[in-house]
Amino acid sequence: MARKQFTTTIDEEVQEKFKEKCSQNGEKMNDVLEAFMKSYINGDFVIEKEVKFSIKKVKK
């Protein structure tokens, strides 16, 4: 299978922690990301998004 370059943006702290964890486990980040992608495609997990709104009283 041909390899395709993949570029995206991500939260800096998440990227740093992910890179560190992959390094600790002796894994390449791209291999872990590809495994996540394949699992997502296969329906092994779903993403649930939660939106939260809050209202705060303003002092006048």
Protein backbone atom coordinates (compact mmCIF):
# COMPACT_ATOMS: atom_id res chain seq x y z
CA MET A 1 0.00 0.00 0.00
CA ALA A 2 1.26 3.45 -0.87
CA ARG A 3 2.02 5.89 1.93
CA LYS A 4 0.42 9.36 1.96
CA GLN A 5 1.69 12.36 3.92
CA PHE A 6 -0.85 13.72 6.41
CA THR A 7 -0.68 17.22 7.89
CA THR A 8 -3.12 18.75 10.36
CA THR A 9 -3.32 21.06 13.34
CA ILE A 10 -3.82 19.89 16.92
CA ASP A 11 -3.70 21.34 20.41
CA GLU A 12 -0.03 21.90 21.26
CA GLU A 13 -0.23 20.32 24.73
CA VAL A 14 -1.99 17.23 23.37
CA GLN A 15 0.68 16.83 20.69
CA GLU A 16 3.52 17.19 23.19
CA LYS A 17 2.01 14.64 25.60
CA PHE A 18 1.23 12.24 22.75
CA LYS A 19 4.77 12.51 21.43
CA GLU A 20 6.17 11.87 24.91
CA LYS A 21 3.91 8.85 25.50
CA CYS A 22 4.79 7.34 22.13
CA SER A 23 8.48 7.82 22.90
CA GLN A 24 8.10 6.17 26.31
CA ASN A 25 6.43 3.19 24.64
CA GLY A 26 8.96 3.00 21.81
CA GLU A 27 6.27 3.72 19.23
CA LYS A 28 6.27 6.07 16.24
CA MET A 29 3.52 8.68 16.41
CA ASN A 30 2.41 7.93 12.85
CA ASP A 31 2.04 4.20 13.63
CA VAL A 32 -0.15 4.94 16.66
CA LEU A 33 -2.25 7.45 14.73
CA GLU A 34 -2.72 4.98 11.89
CA ALA A 35 -3.84 2.31 14.37
CA PHE A 36 -6.37 4.76 15.85
CA MET A 37 -7.64 5.63 12.37
CA LYS A 38 -8.08 1.97 11.40
CA SER A 39 -9.90 1.23 14.66
CA TYR A 40 -12.20 4.21 14.07
CA ILE A 41 -12.93 3.10 10.50
CA ASN A 42 -13.69 -0.43 11.76
CA GLY A 43 -16.17 0.96 14.30
CA ASP A 44 -14.13 -0.13 17.32
CA PHE A 45 -14.92 3.19 18.99
CA VAL A 46 -16.96 6.34 18.40
CA ILE A 47 -16.33 9.95 19.27
CA GLU A 48 -18.87 11.69 21.48
CA LYS A 49 -18.70 15.46 21.57
CA GLU A 50 -20.10 17.48 24.45
CA VAL A 51 -20.91 21.16 24.23
CA LYS A 52 -21.26 23.11 27.45
CA PHE A 53 -22.60 26.61 27.85
CA SER A 54 -22.66 28.59 31.07
CA ILE A 55 -24.20 31.92 31.94
CA LYS A 56 -22.60 34.18 34.49
CA LYS A 57 -24.22 37.22 35.99
CA VAL A 58 -22.45 40.48 35.18
CA LYS A 59 -22.08 42.99 38.02
CA LYS A 60 -23.39 46.41 37.04
